Amino acid sequence: MQKANTIRKKHSREGRDDRIFNIVAITLVTLAAVIVLVPLLNVVAASFSSSKAVNAGRVLLWPVDFTLENYRTVLKYDSVWLGYRNTIFYTIAGTAISVTLSMFCAYPLAQRRFSGRKFFNKLFLFTMIFNGGMIPTYIVVRDLKILNTVWSILLPAAVSFYNVIIIRNFVETSIPAELEESTRVDGCTPARYFVSFVLPLSKPIIAVIAMYYAVGQWNDYFNAFLYLTDKDLYPLQLFLREILLSSKFDSSNMDPDTAAAIQGLADTLKYVIIVVSTLPLMCIYPFVQKHFVKGVMIGSVKG
């Protein structure tokens, strides 16, 4: 009887600890969601509000004096649509190149029988800590004669060893070595094994890495700012930057009311530009979220 009471007390204590943990976890997650969502909703609401309402601080989470004029002002620029086209191309092509190269790099590094495994792991890790720097990288791009071409956007940041490490760990922990041995007995070549077994089993981590690369490629503007002079090749971010710069004006020769109205519109356009530049990724993420979460969790548990 005493033993049964001890067991009940133990389970009761464990249940109470679990409830406390759940309450703390839910509170922290809710707080994090509020911290993320409130600024996001504020930006979206401000983009649909009048400039007077925004500048008066009346907009919080819901549009005030709802208007689409801000979006008409931005989207009337042909450069925005050209920027969308270029950025979509850079994102798709860059992600495909990056994921392919990262898989080809990570798979050999995950093979314990590869004699140069430790050396190349340390060599690539060294590049994460000490990179070449902006000027040497620019000189390399110039000497390769890819300045002012799409390749200057796609190649310099094609592979991130951080992502290679994630793929390598996934292959090591989630794809058993016995599988390769059994397929080799059946006459499967290494290339066939990689294509027919490794790639299909790596779909979750490929989705994760593709999302990482796609977000980085979509948001990147510095490489384009550095390597491109042809505006026909500009990504969306550079065109939006030009719109922001063009909205600046000299108010010294204007009456105060006109200057305030124009400045208010210019400030409101910043919110529109944030929405325009992030909306595509926000629309795509829900479709890859399942693979994204699965890939991250599988990569964190040794199987």
C-alpha atoms as a PDB file:
ATOM      1  CA  MET A   1       0.000   0.000   0.000  1.00  0.00           C
ATOM      2  CA  GLN A   2       2.804   2.368   0.902  1.00  0.00           C
ATOM      3  CA  LYS A   3       4.543   1.525  -2.364  1.00  0.00           C
ATOM      4  CA  ALA A   4       1.370   2.318  -4.321  1.00  0.00           C
ATOM      5  CA  ASN A   5       1.039   5.679  -2.560  1.00  0.00           C
ATOM      6  CA  THR A   6       4.660   6.478  -3.373  1.00  0.00           C
ATOM      7  CA  ILE A   7       4.071   5.687  -7.051  1.00  0.00           C
ATOM      8  CA  ARG A   8       0.918   7.848  -7.102  1.00  0.00           C
ATOM      9  CA  LYS A   9       2.777  10.769  -5.523  1.00  0.00           C
ATOM     10  CA  LYS A  10       5.573  10.384  -8.045  1.00  0.00           C
ATOM     11  CA  HIS A  11       3.147  10.412 -10.987  1.00  0.00           C
ATOM     12  CA  SER A  12       1.283  13.345  -9.468  1.00  0.00           C
ATOM     13  CA  ARG A  13       4.524  15.300  -9.119  1.00  0.00           C
ATOM     14  CA  GLU A  14       5.536  14.443 -12.696  1.00  0.00           C
ATOM     15  CA  GLY A  15       2.112  15.509 -13.963  1.00  0.00           C
ATOM     16  CA  ARG A  16       2.368  18.818 -12.094  1.00  0.00           C
ATOM     17  CA  ASP A  17       5.863  19.409 -13.507  1.00  0.00           C
ATOM     18  CA  ASP A  18       4.577  18.697 -17.021  1.00  0.00           C
ATOM     19  CA  ARG A  19       1.730  21.177 -16.581  1.00  0.00           C
ATOM     20  CA  ILE A  20       4.117  23.865 -15.349  1.00  0.00           C
ATOM     21  CA  PHE A  21       6.431  23.198 -18.277  1.00  0.00           C
ATOM     22  CA  ASN A  22       3.535  23.375 -20.756  1.00  0.00           C
ATOM     23  CA  ILE A  23       2.300  26.658 -19.278  1.00  0.00           C
ATOM     24  CA  VAL A  24       5.774  28.202 -19.468  1.00  0.00           C
ATOM     25  CA  ALA A  25       6.326  26.881 -23.012  1.00  0.00           C
ATOM     26  CA  ILE A  26       2.952  28.146 -24.263  1.00  0.00           C
ATOM     27  CA  THR A  27       3.555  31.532 -22.631  1.00  0.00           C
ATOM     28  CA  LEU A  28       6.973  31.904 -24.272  1.00  0.00           C
ATOM     29  CA  VAL A  29       5.691  30.777 -27.685  1.00  0.00           C
ATOM     30  CA  THR A  30       2.739  33.169 -27.443  1.00  0.00           C
ATOM     31  CA  LEU A  31       5.057  36.014 -26.466  1.00  0.00           C
ATOM     32  CA  ALA A  32       7.371  35.215 -29.389  1.00  0.00           C
ATOM     33  CA  ALA A  33       4.392  35.113 -31.773  1.00  0.00           C
ATOM     34  CA  VAL A  34       3.193  38.510 -30.544  1.00  0.00           C
ATOM     35  CA  ILE A  35       6.679  40.005 -30.928  1.00  0.00           C
ATOM     36  CA  VAL A  36       6.824  38.750 -34.529  1.00  0.00           C
ATOM     37  CA  LEU A  37       3.226  39.325 -35.620  1.00  0.00           C
ATOM     38  CA  VAL A  38       2.569  42.797 -34.214  1.00  0.00           C
ATOM     39  CA  PRO A  39       5.265  44.561 -36.309  1.00  0.00           C
ATOM     40  CA  LEU A  40       4.251  42.517 -39.364  1.00  0.00           C
ATOM     41  CA  LEU A  41       0.569  43.388 -39.029  1.00  0.00           C
ATOM     42  CA  ASN A  42       1.477  47.013 -38.371  1.00  0.00           C
ATOM     43  CA  VAL A  43       3.476  47.196 -41.616  1.00  0.00           C
ATOM     44  CA  VAL A  44       0.648  45.599 -43.629  1.00  0.00           C
ATOM     45  CA  ALA A  45      -1.961  47.874 -42.041  1.00  0.00           C
ATOM     46  CA  ALA A  46       0.149  50.987 -42.677  1.00  0.00           C
ATOM     47  CA  SER A  47       0.619  50.031 -46.330  1.00  0.00           C
ATOM     48  CA  PHE A  48      -3.169  50.146 -46.818  1.00  0.00           C
ATOM     49  CA  SER A  49      -3.677  53.343 -44.801  1.00  0.00           C
ATOM     50  CA  SER A  50      -3.555  56.981 -45.799  1.00  0.00           C
ATOM     51  CA  SER A  51      -0.306  58.831 -45.256  1.00  0.00           C
ATOM     52  CA  LYS A  52      -2.025  61.237 -42.840  1.00  0.00           C
ATOM     53  CA  ALA A  53      -3.191  58.370 -40.633  1.00  0.00           C
ATOM     54  CA  VAL A  54       0.251  56.750 -40.671  1.00  0.00           C
ATOM     55  CA  ASN A  55       2.112  59.951 -39.840  1.00  0.00           C
ATOM     56  CA  ALA A  56      -0.388  60.783 -37.106  1.00  0.00           C
ATOM     57  CA  GLY A  57       0.360  57.437 -35.444  1.00  0.00           C
ATOM     58  CA  ARG A  58      -3.241  56.245 -35.701  1.00  0.00           C
ATOM     59  CA  VAL A  59      -2.401  52.943 -37.403  1.00  0.00           C
ATOM     60  CA  LEU A  60      -1.676  49.920 -35.244  1.00  0.00           C
ATOM     61  CA  LEU A  61      -3.029  46.565 -36.438  1.00  0.00           C
ATOM     62  CA  TRP A  62      -5.830  47.651 -38.770  1.00  0.00           C
ATOM     63  CA  PRO A  63      -5.831  50.042 -41.762  1.00  0.00           C
ATOM     64  CA  VAL A  64      -7.120  53.563 -41.135  1.00  0.00           C
ATOM     65  CA  ASP A  65      -8.639  55.475 -44.081  1.00  0.00           C
ATOM     66  CA  PHE A  66      -8.210  52.386 -46.281  1.00  0.00           C
ATOM     67  CA  THR A  67      -6.626  53.121 -49.666  1.00  0.00           C
ATOM     68  CA  LEU A  68      -4.847  51.306 -52.496  1.00  0.00           C
ATOM     69  CA  GLU A  69      -3.180  54.460 -53.773  1.00  0.00           C
ATOM     70  CA  ASN A  70       0.109  53.532 -52.125  1.00  0.00           C
ATOM     71  CA  TYR A  71       0.260  50.259 -54.059  1.00  0.00           C
ATOM     72  CA  ARG A  72      -0.766  51.977 -57.300  1.00  0.00           C
ATOM     73  CA  THR A  73       2.103  54.417 -56.834  1.00  0.00           C
ATOM     74  CA  VAL A  74       4.668  51.631 -56.447  1.00  0.00           C
ATOM     75  CA  LEU A  75       3.279  49.139 -58.968  1.00  0.00           C
ATOM     76  CA  LYS A  76       2.967  51.724 -61.737  1.00  0.00           C
ATOM     77  CA  TYR A  77       6.754  51.534 -62.111  1.00  0.00           C
ATOM     78  CA  ASP A  78       7.663  49.140 -64.938  1.00  0.00           C
ATOM     79  CA  SER A  79      10.947  48.558 -63.133  1.00  0.00           C
ATOM     80  CA  VAL A  80       9.102  46.801 -60.305  1.00  0.00           C
ATOM     81  CA  TRP A  81       7.771  44.142 -62.682  1.00  0.00           C
ATOM     82  CA  LEU A  82      11.174  43.810 -64.345  1.00  0.00           C
ATOM     83  CA  GLY A  83      12.705  43.433 -60.887  1.00  0.00           C
ATOM     84  CA  TYR A  84      10.175  40.743 -59.993  1.00  0.00           C
ATOM     85  CA  ARG A  85      11.042  38.824 -63.160  1.00  0.00           C
ATOM     86  CA  ASN A  86      14.781  39.046 -62.530  1.00  0.00           C
ATOM     87  CA  THR A  87      14.496  38.173 -58.844  1.00  0.00           C
ATOM     88  CA  ILE A  88      12.282  35.161 -59.543  1.00  0.00           C
ATOM     89  CA  PHE A  89      14.844  33.945 -62.093  1.00  0.00           C
ATOM     90  CA  TYR A  90      17.764  34.510 -59.709  1.00  0.00           C
ATOM     91  CA  THR A  91      15.905  32.762 -56.894  1.00  0.00           C
ATOM     92  CA  ILE A  92      14.905  29.692 -58.915  1.00  0.00           C
ATOM     93  CA  ALA A  93      18.197  29.310 -60.782  1.00  0.00           C
ATOM     94  CA  GLY A  94      20.337  30.174 -57.762  1.00  0.00           C
ATOM     95  CA  THR A  95      18.464  27.775 -55.489  1.00  0.00           C
ATOM     96  CA  ALA A  96      18.724  24.939 -58.019  1.00  0.00           C
ATOM     97  CA  ILE A  97      22.471  25.488 -58.459  1.00  0.00           C
ATOM     98  CA  SER A  98      23.101  25.870 -54.728  1.00  0.00           C
ATOM     99  CA  VAL A  99      21.110  22.805 -53.671  1.00  0.00           C
ATOM    100  CA  THR A 100      22.735  20.658 -56.371  1.00  0.00           C
ATOM    101  CA  LEU A 101      26.273  21.718 -55.467  1.00  0.00           C
ATOM    102  CA  SER A 102      25.581  21.393 -51.733  1.00  0.00           C
ATOM    103  CA  MET A 103      24.269  17.843 -52.144  1.00  0.00           C
ATOM    104  CA  PHE A 104      27.255  16.843 -54.270  1.00  0.00           C
ATOM    105  CA  CYS A 105      29.561  18.348 -51.645  1.00  0.00           C
ATOM    106  CA  ALA A 106      27.814  16.974 -48.543  1.00  0.00           C
ATOM    107  CA  TYR A 107      27.364  13.368 -49.672  1.00  0.00           C
ATOM    108  CA  PRO A 108      31.099  12.498 -49.972  1.00  0.00           C
ATOM    109  CA  LEU A 109      31.804  14.260 -46.670  1.00  0.00           C
ATOM    110  CA  ALA A 110      29.227  11.993 -45.008  1.00  0.00           C
ATOM    111  CA  GLN A 111      31.019   8.823 -46.173  1.00  0.00           C
ATOM    112  CA  ARG A 112      33.320   7.493 -43.454  1.00  0.00           C
ATOM    113  CA  ARG A 113      35.330   5.494 -45.979  1.00  0.00           C
ATOM    114  CA  PHE A 114      36.284   8.707 -47.825  1.00  0.00           C
ATOM    115  CA  SER A 115      39.988   9.121 -47.005  1.00  0.00           C
ATOM    116  CA  GLY A 116      40.012  12.925 -47.392  1.00  0.00           C
ATOM    117  CA  ARG A 117      36.894  13.445 -45.298  1.00  0.00           C
ATOM    118  CA  LYS A 118      38.531  15.082 -42.271  1.00  0.00           C
ATOM    119  CA  PHE A 119      40.814  17.256 -44.375  1.00  0.00           C
ATOM    120  CA  PHE A 120      38.036  18.671 -46.541  1.00  0.00           C
ATOM    121  CA  ASN A 121      35.734  19.160 -43.559  1.00  0.00           C
ATOM    122  CA  LYS A 122      38.412  21.259 -41.853  1.00  0.00           C
ATOM    123  CA  LEU A 123      39.255  23.080 -45.093  1.00  0.00           C
ATOM    124  CA  PHE A 124      35.644  24.070 -45.742  1.00  0.00           C
ATOM    125  CA  LEU A 125      35.116  24.938 -42.080  1.00  0.00           C
ATOM    126  CA  PHE A 126      38.100  27.294 -42.310  1.00  0.00           C
ATOM    127  CA  THR A 127      36.315  29.238 -45.065  1.00  0.00           C
ATOM    128  CA  MET A 128      33.356  29.810 -42.730  1.00  0.00           C
ATOM    129  CA  ILE A 129      35.620  31.519 -40.207  1.00  0.00           C
ATOM    130  CA  PHE A 130      38.016  33.310 -42.569  1.00  0.00           C
ATOM    131  CA  ASN A 131      36.589  34.325 -45.945  1.00  0.00           C
ATOM    132  CA  GLY A 132      38.321  36.135 -48.763  1.00  0.00           C
ATOM    133  CA  GLY A 133      36.658  39.485 -48.156  1.00  0.00           C
ATOM    134  CA  MET A 134      34.801  41.832 -50.449  1.00  0.00           C
ATOM    135  CA  ILE A 135      37.689  43.212 -52.524  1.00  0.00           C
ATOM    136  CA  PRO A 136      39.390  39.853 -53.272  1.00  0.00           C
ATOM    137  CA  THR A 137      36.005  38.367 -54.167  1.00  0.00           C
ATOM    138  CA  TYR A 138      35.300  41.276 -56.506  1.00  0.00           C
ATOM    139  CA  ILE A 139      38.700  40.770 -58.171  1.00  0.00           C
ATOM    140  CA  VAL A 140      37.946  37.070 -58.686  1.00  0.00           C
ATOM    141  CA  VAL A 141      34.554  37.872 -60.221  1.00  0.00           C
ATOM    142  CA  ARG A 142      36.177  40.471 -62.474  1.00  0.00           C
ATOM    143  CA  ASP A 143      38.967  38.115 -63.589  1.00  0.00           C
ATOM    144  CA  LEU A 144      36.401  35.426 -64.387  1.00  0.00           C
ATOM    145  CA  LYS A 145      34.779  38.013 -66.691  1.00  0.00           C
ATOM    146  CA  ILE A 146      31.334  37.543 -65.213  1.00  0.00           C
ATOM    147  CA  LEU A 147      30.883  41.117 -63.988  1.00  0.00           C
ATOM    148  CA  ASN A 148      27.540  42.569 -65.048  1.00  0.00           C
ATOM    149  CA  THR A 149      26.146  39.123 -65.942  1.00  0.00           C
ATOM    150  CA  VAL A 150      23.644  36.842 -64.241  1.00  0.00           C
ATOM    151  CA  TRP A 151      26.540  34.584 -63.216  1.00  0.00           C
ATOM    152  CA  SER A 152      27.876  37.291 -60.907  1.00  0.00           C
ATOM    153  CA  ILE A 153      24.657  36.845 -58.910  1.00  0.00           C
ATOM    154  CA  LEU A 154      24.418  33.056 -59.095  1.00  0.00           C
ATOM    155  CA  LEU A 155      28.003  31.866 -58.547  1.00  0.00           C
ATOM    156  CA  PRO A 156      29.767  33.880 -55.775  1.00  0.00           C
ATOM    157  CA  ALA A 157      27.371  32.682 -53.063  1.00  0.00           C
ATOM    158  CA  ALA A 158      26.426  29.371 -54.665  1.00  0.00           C
ATOM    159  CA  VAL A 159      27.468  27.170 -51.722  1.00  0.00           C
ATOM    160  CA  SER A 160      27.176  27.770 -47.995  1.00  0.00           C
ATOM    161  CA  PHE A 161      29.177  25.281 -45.947  1.00  0.00           C
ATOM    162  CA  TYR A 162      26.736  25.793 -43.083  1.00  0.00           C
ATOM    163  CA  ASN A 163      24.051  24.232 -45.282  1.00  0.00           C
ATOM    164  CA  VAL A 164      26.499  21.545 -46.387  1.00  0.00           C
ATOM    165  CA  ILE A 165      27.011  20.614 -42.722  1.00  0.00           C
ATOM    166  CA  ILE A 166      23.248  20.299 -42.227  1.00  0.00           C
ATOM    167  CA  ILE A 167      22.936  17.977 -45.236  1.00  0.00           C
ATOM    168  CA  ARG A 168      26.004  15.986 -44.185  1.00  0.00           C
ATOM    169  CA  ASN A 169      24.603  15.409 -40.701  1.00  0.00           C
ATOM    170  CA  PHE A 170      21.256  14.391 -42.157  1.00  0.00           C
ATOM    171  CA  VAL A 171      22.858  11.809 -44.460  1.00  0.00           C
ATOM    172  CA  GLU A 172      25.026  10.461 -41.637  1.00  0.00           C
ATOM    173  CA  THR A 173      22.174  10.041 -39.155  1.00  0.00           C
ATOM    174  CA  SER A 174      19.144   9.295 -41.328  1.00  0.00           C
ATOM    175  CA  ILE A 175      20.418   7.091 -44.166  1.00  0.00           C
ATOM    176  CA  PRO A 176      21.877   3.810 -42.848  1.00  0.00           C
ATOM    177  CA  ALA A 177      25.196   2.648 -44.277  1.00  0.00           C
ATOM    178  CA  GLU A 178      23.738  -0.857 -44.559  1.00  0.00           C
ATOM    179  CA  LEU A 179      21.428   0.391 -47.306  1.00  0.00           C
ATOM    180  CA  GLU A 180      24.354   1.264 -49.552  1.00  0.00           C
ATOM    181  CA  GLU A 181      26.061  -2.046 -48.798  1.00  0.00           C
ATOM    182  CA  SER A 182      22.963  -4.026 -49.738  1.00  0.00           C
ATOM    183  CA  THR A 183      22.455  -2.100 -52.969  1.00  0.00           C
ATOM    184  CA  ARG A 184      26.111  -2.559 -53.858  1.00  0.00           C
ATOM    185  CA  VAL A 185      25.687  -6.327 -53.497  1.00  0.00           C
ATOM    186  CA  ASP A 186      22.815  -6.101 -55.978  1.00  0.00           C
ATOM    187  CA  GLY A 187      25.109  -4.354 -58.478  1.00  0.00           C
ATOM    188  CA  CYS A 188      23.988  -0.753 -57.907  1.00  0.00           C
ATOM    189  CA  THR A 189      26.646   1.790 -58.886  1.00  0.00           C
ATOM    190  CA  PRO A 190      27.474   4.742 -56.569  1.00  0.00           C
ATOM    191  CA  ALA A 191      25.888   7.211 -58.995  1.00  0.00           C
ATOM    192  CA  ARG A 192      22.726   5.121 -59.266  1.00  0.00           C
ATOM    193  CA  TYR A 193      22.568   4.757 -55.478  1.00  0.00           C
ATOM    194  CA  PHE A 194      22.896   8.526 -55.035  1.00  0.00           C
ATOM    195  CA  VAL A 195      20.151   9.311 -57.547  1.00  0.00           C
ATOM    196  CA  SER A 196      17.753   6.467 -56.722  1.00  0.00           C
ATOM    197  CA  PHE A 197      18.130   6.260 -52.939  1.00  0.00           C
ATOM    198  CA  VAL A 198      19.965   9.201 -51.362  1.00  0.00           C
ATOM    199  CA  LEU A 199      18.067  11.981 -53.132  1.00  0.00           C
ATOM    200  CA  PRO A 200      14.549  10.552 -52.527  1.00  0.00           C
ATOM    201  CA  LEU A 201      15.353   9.892 -48.857  1.00  0.00           C
ATOM    202  CA  SER A 202      16.763  13.412 -48.512  1.00  0.00           C
ATOM    203  CA  LYS A 203      13.635  15.248 -49.668  1.00  0.00           C
ATOM    204  CA  PRO A 204      12.911  16.772 -46.224  1.00  0.00           C
ATOM    205  CA  ILE A 205      16.398  18.229 -45.823  1.00  0.00           C
ATOM    206  CA  ILE A 206      16.468  19.328 -49.466  1.00  0.00           C
ATOM    207  CA  ALA A 207      13.260  21.299 -48.808  1.00  0.00           C
ATOM    208  CA  VAL A 208      14.887  22.941 -45.774  1.00  0.00           C
ATOM    209  CA  ILE A 209      18.081  23.860 -47.615  1.00  0.00           C
ATOM    210  CA  ALA A 210      16.169  25.034 -50.677  1.00  0.00           C
ATOM    211  CA  MET A 211      14.153  27.352 -48.431  1.00  0.00           C
ATOM    212  CA  TYR A 212      17.327  28.710 -46.841  1.00  0.00           C
ATOM    213  CA  TYR A 213      18.933  29.372 -50.210  1.00  0.00           C
ATOM    214  CA  ALA A 214      15.749  30.791 -51.743  1.00  0.00           C
ATOM    215  CA  VAL A 215      15.225  33.272 -48.897  1.00  0.00           C
ATOM    216  CA  GLY A 216      18.863  34.333 -49.058  1.00  0.00           C
ATOM    217  CA  GLN A 217      18.752  34.719 -52.834  1.00  0.00           C
ATOM    218  CA  TRP A 218      15.469  36.644 -52.754  1.00  0.00           C
ATOM    219  CA  ASN A 219      16.644  39.070 -50.070  1.00  0.00           C
ATOM    220  CA  ASP A 220      20.148  39.575 -51.437  1.00  0.00           C
ATOM    221  CA  TYR A 221      20.838  42.942 -52.961  1.00  0.00           C
ATOM    222  CA  PHE A 222      24.465  43.587 -52.046  1.00  0.00           C
ATOM    223  CA  ASN A 223      25.968  41.288 -54.696  1.00  0.00           C
ATOM    224  CA  ALA A 224      23.785  42.915 -57.340  1.00  0.00           C
ATOM    225  CA  PHE A 225      24.711  46.358 -56.030  1.00  0.00           C
ATOM    226  CA  LEU A 226      28.380  45.372 -56.231  1.00  0.00           C
ATOM    227  CA  TYR A 227      28.550  43.476 -59.520  1.00  0.00           C
ATOM    228  CA  LEU A 228      25.762  44.871 -61.738  1.00  0.00           C
ATOM    229  CA  THR A 229      25.567  48.130 -63.662  1.00  0.00           C
ATOM    230  CA  ASP A 230      23.039  47.037 -66.289  1.00  0.00           C
ATOM    231  CA  LYS A 231      19.592  47.944 -64.956  1.00  0.00           C
ATOM    232  CA  ASP A 232      17.993  45.251 -67.102  1.00  0.00           C
ATOM    233  CA  LEU A 233      19.640  42.743 -64.739  1.00  0.00           C
ATOM    234  CA  TYR A 234      18.712  44.480 -61.490  1.00  0.00           C
ATOM    235  CA  PRO A 235      16.794  42.410 -58.921  1.00  0.00           C
ATOM    236  CA  LEU A 236      13.653  43.750 -57.287  1.00  0.00           C
ATOM    237  CA  GLN A 237      15.497  44.996 -54.211  1.00  0.00           C
ATOM    238  CA  LEU A 238      17.667  47.423 -56.197  1.00  0.00           C
ATOM    239  CA  PHE A 239      14.667  48.830 -58.048  1.00  0.00           C
ATOM    240  CA  LEU A 240      12.820  49.313 -54.751  1.00  0.00           C
ATOM    241  CA  ARG A 241      15.899  51.062 -53.393  1.00  0.00           C
ATOM    242  CA  GLU A 242      15.786  53.450 -56.370  1.00  0.00           C
ATOM    243  CA  ILE A 243      12.113  54.158 -55.710  1.00  0.00           C
ATOM    244  CA  LEU A 244      12.931  55.026 -52.106  1.00  0.00           C
ATOM    245  CA  LEU A 245      15.766  57.308 -53.191  1.00  0.00           C
ATOM    246  CA  SER A 246      13.613  58.976 -55.837  1.00  0.00           C
ATOM    247  CA  SER A 247      10.965  59.735 -53.201  1.00  0.00           C
ATOM    248  CA  LYS A 248      13.408  62.047 -51.434  1.00  0.00           C
ATOM    249  CA  PHE A 249      13.012  65.684 -52.400  1.00  0.00           C
ATOM    250  CA  ASP A 250      14.113  69.193 -51.626  1.00  0.00           C
ATOM    251  CA  SER A 251      11.378  70.873 -49.592  1.00  0.00           C
ATOM    252  CA  SER A 252      13.100  74.256 -49.318  1.00  0.00           C
ATOM    253  CA  ASN A 253      11.069  75.741 -52.195  1.00  0.00           C
ATOM    254  CA  MET A 254       7.716  74.246 -51.133  1.00  0.00           C
ATOM    255  CA  ASP A 255       5.084  75.488 -48.774  1.00  0.00           C
ATOM    256  CA  PRO A 256       4.940  73.493 -45.514  1.00  0.00           C
ATOM    257  CA  ASP A 257       1.611  71.778 -46.245  1.00  0.00           C
ATOM    258  CA  THR A 258       2.723  70.476 -49.662  1.00  0.00           C
ATOM    259  CA  ALA A 259       6.079  69.357 -48.315  1.00  0.00           C
ATOM    260  CA  ALA A 260       4.424  67.529 -45.420  1.00  0.00           C
ATOM    261  CA  ALA A 261       1.977  65.771 -47.768  1.00  0.00           C
ATOM    262  CA  ILE A 262       4.723  64.590 -50.121  1.00  0.00           C
ATOM    263  CA  GLN A 263       6.950  63.503 -47.246  1.00  0.00           C
ATOM    264  CA  GLY A 264       4.029  61.606 -45.725  1.00  0.00           C
ATOM    265  CA  LEU A 265       3.451  59.726 -48.976  1.00  0.00           C
ATOM    266  CA  ALA A 266       7.172  58.934 -49.229  1.00  0.00           C
ATOM    267  CA  ASP A 267       7.169  57.512 -45.704  1.00  0.00           C
ATOM    268  CA  THR A 268       4.095  55.393 -46.425  1.00  0.00           C
ATOM    269  CA  LEU A 269       5.725  53.957 -49.553  1.00  0.00           C
ATOM    270  CA  LYS A 270       8.337  52.337 -47.330  1.00  0.00           C
ATOM    271  CA  TYR A 271       5.656  50.101 -45.838  1.00  0.00           C
ATOM    272  CA  VAL A 272       4.367  49.193 -49.296  1.00  0.00           C
ATOM    273  CA  ILE A 273       7.875  48.301 -50.451  1.00  0.00           C
ATOM    274  CA  ILE A 274       8.343  45.995 -47.454  1.00  0.00           C
ATOM    275  CA  VAL A 275       5.111  44.162 -48.301  1.00  0.00           C
ATOM    276  CA  VAL A 276       5.869  43.986 -52.031  1.00  0.00           C
ATOM    277  CA  SER A 277       9.331  42.544 -51.430  1.00  0.00           C
ATOM    278  CA  THR A 278       8.304  39.925 -48.841  1.00  0.00           C
ATOM    279  CA  LEU A 279       4.836  38.848 -49.991  1.00  0.00           C
ATOM    280  CA  PRO A 280       5.958  36.127 -52.472  1.00  0.00           C
ATOM    281  CA  LEU A 281       8.027  34.297 -49.847  1.00  0.00           C
ATOM    282  CA  MET A 282       5.218  34.566 -47.311  1.00  0.00           C
ATOM    283  CA  CYS A 283       2.851  32.980 -49.844  1.00  0.00           C
ATOM    284  CA  ILE A 284       5.249  30.134 -50.695  1.00  0.00           C
ATOM    285  CA  TYR A 285       6.299  29.184 -47.161  1.00  0.00           C
ATOM    286  CA  PRO A 286       3.011  27.468 -46.109  1.00  0.00           C
ATOM    287  CA  PHE A 287       3.403  24.994 -48.984  1.00  0.00           C
ATOM    288  CA  VAL A 288       6.895  23.898 -47.888  1.00  0.00           C
ATOM    289  CA  GLN A 289       6.334  24.213 -44.136  1.00  0.00           C
ATOM    290  CA  LYS A 290       5.593  20.487 -43.726  1.00  0.00           C
ATOM    291  CA  HIS A 291       8.890  19.450 -45.301  1.00  0.00           C
ATOM    292  CA  PHE A 292      10.706  22.301 -43.565  1.00  0.00           C
ATOM    293  CA  VAL A 293       9.697  21.219 -40.051  1.00  0.00           C
ATOM    294  CA  LYS A 294      10.199  17.529 -40.832  1.00  0.00           C
ATOM    295  CA  GLY A 295      13.683  18.119 -42.219  1.00  0.00           C
ATOM    296  CA  VAL A 296      14.804  20.179 -39.245  1.00  0.00           C
ATOM    297  CA  MET A 297      13.487  17.621 -36.733  1.00  0.00           C
ATOM    298  CA  ILE A 298      14.920  14.591 -38.553  1.00  0.00           C
ATOM    299  CA  GLY A 299      18.296  16.274 -38.814  1.00  0.00           C
ATOM    300  CA  SER A 300      18.342  16.865 -35.061  1.00  0.00           C
ATOM    301  CA  VAL A 301      17.646  13.257 -34.008  1.00  0.00           C
ATOM    302  CA  LYS A 302      20.133  10.471 -34.553  1.00  0.00           C
ATOM    303  CA  GLY A 303      18.371   7.468 -36.054  1.00  0.00           C
END
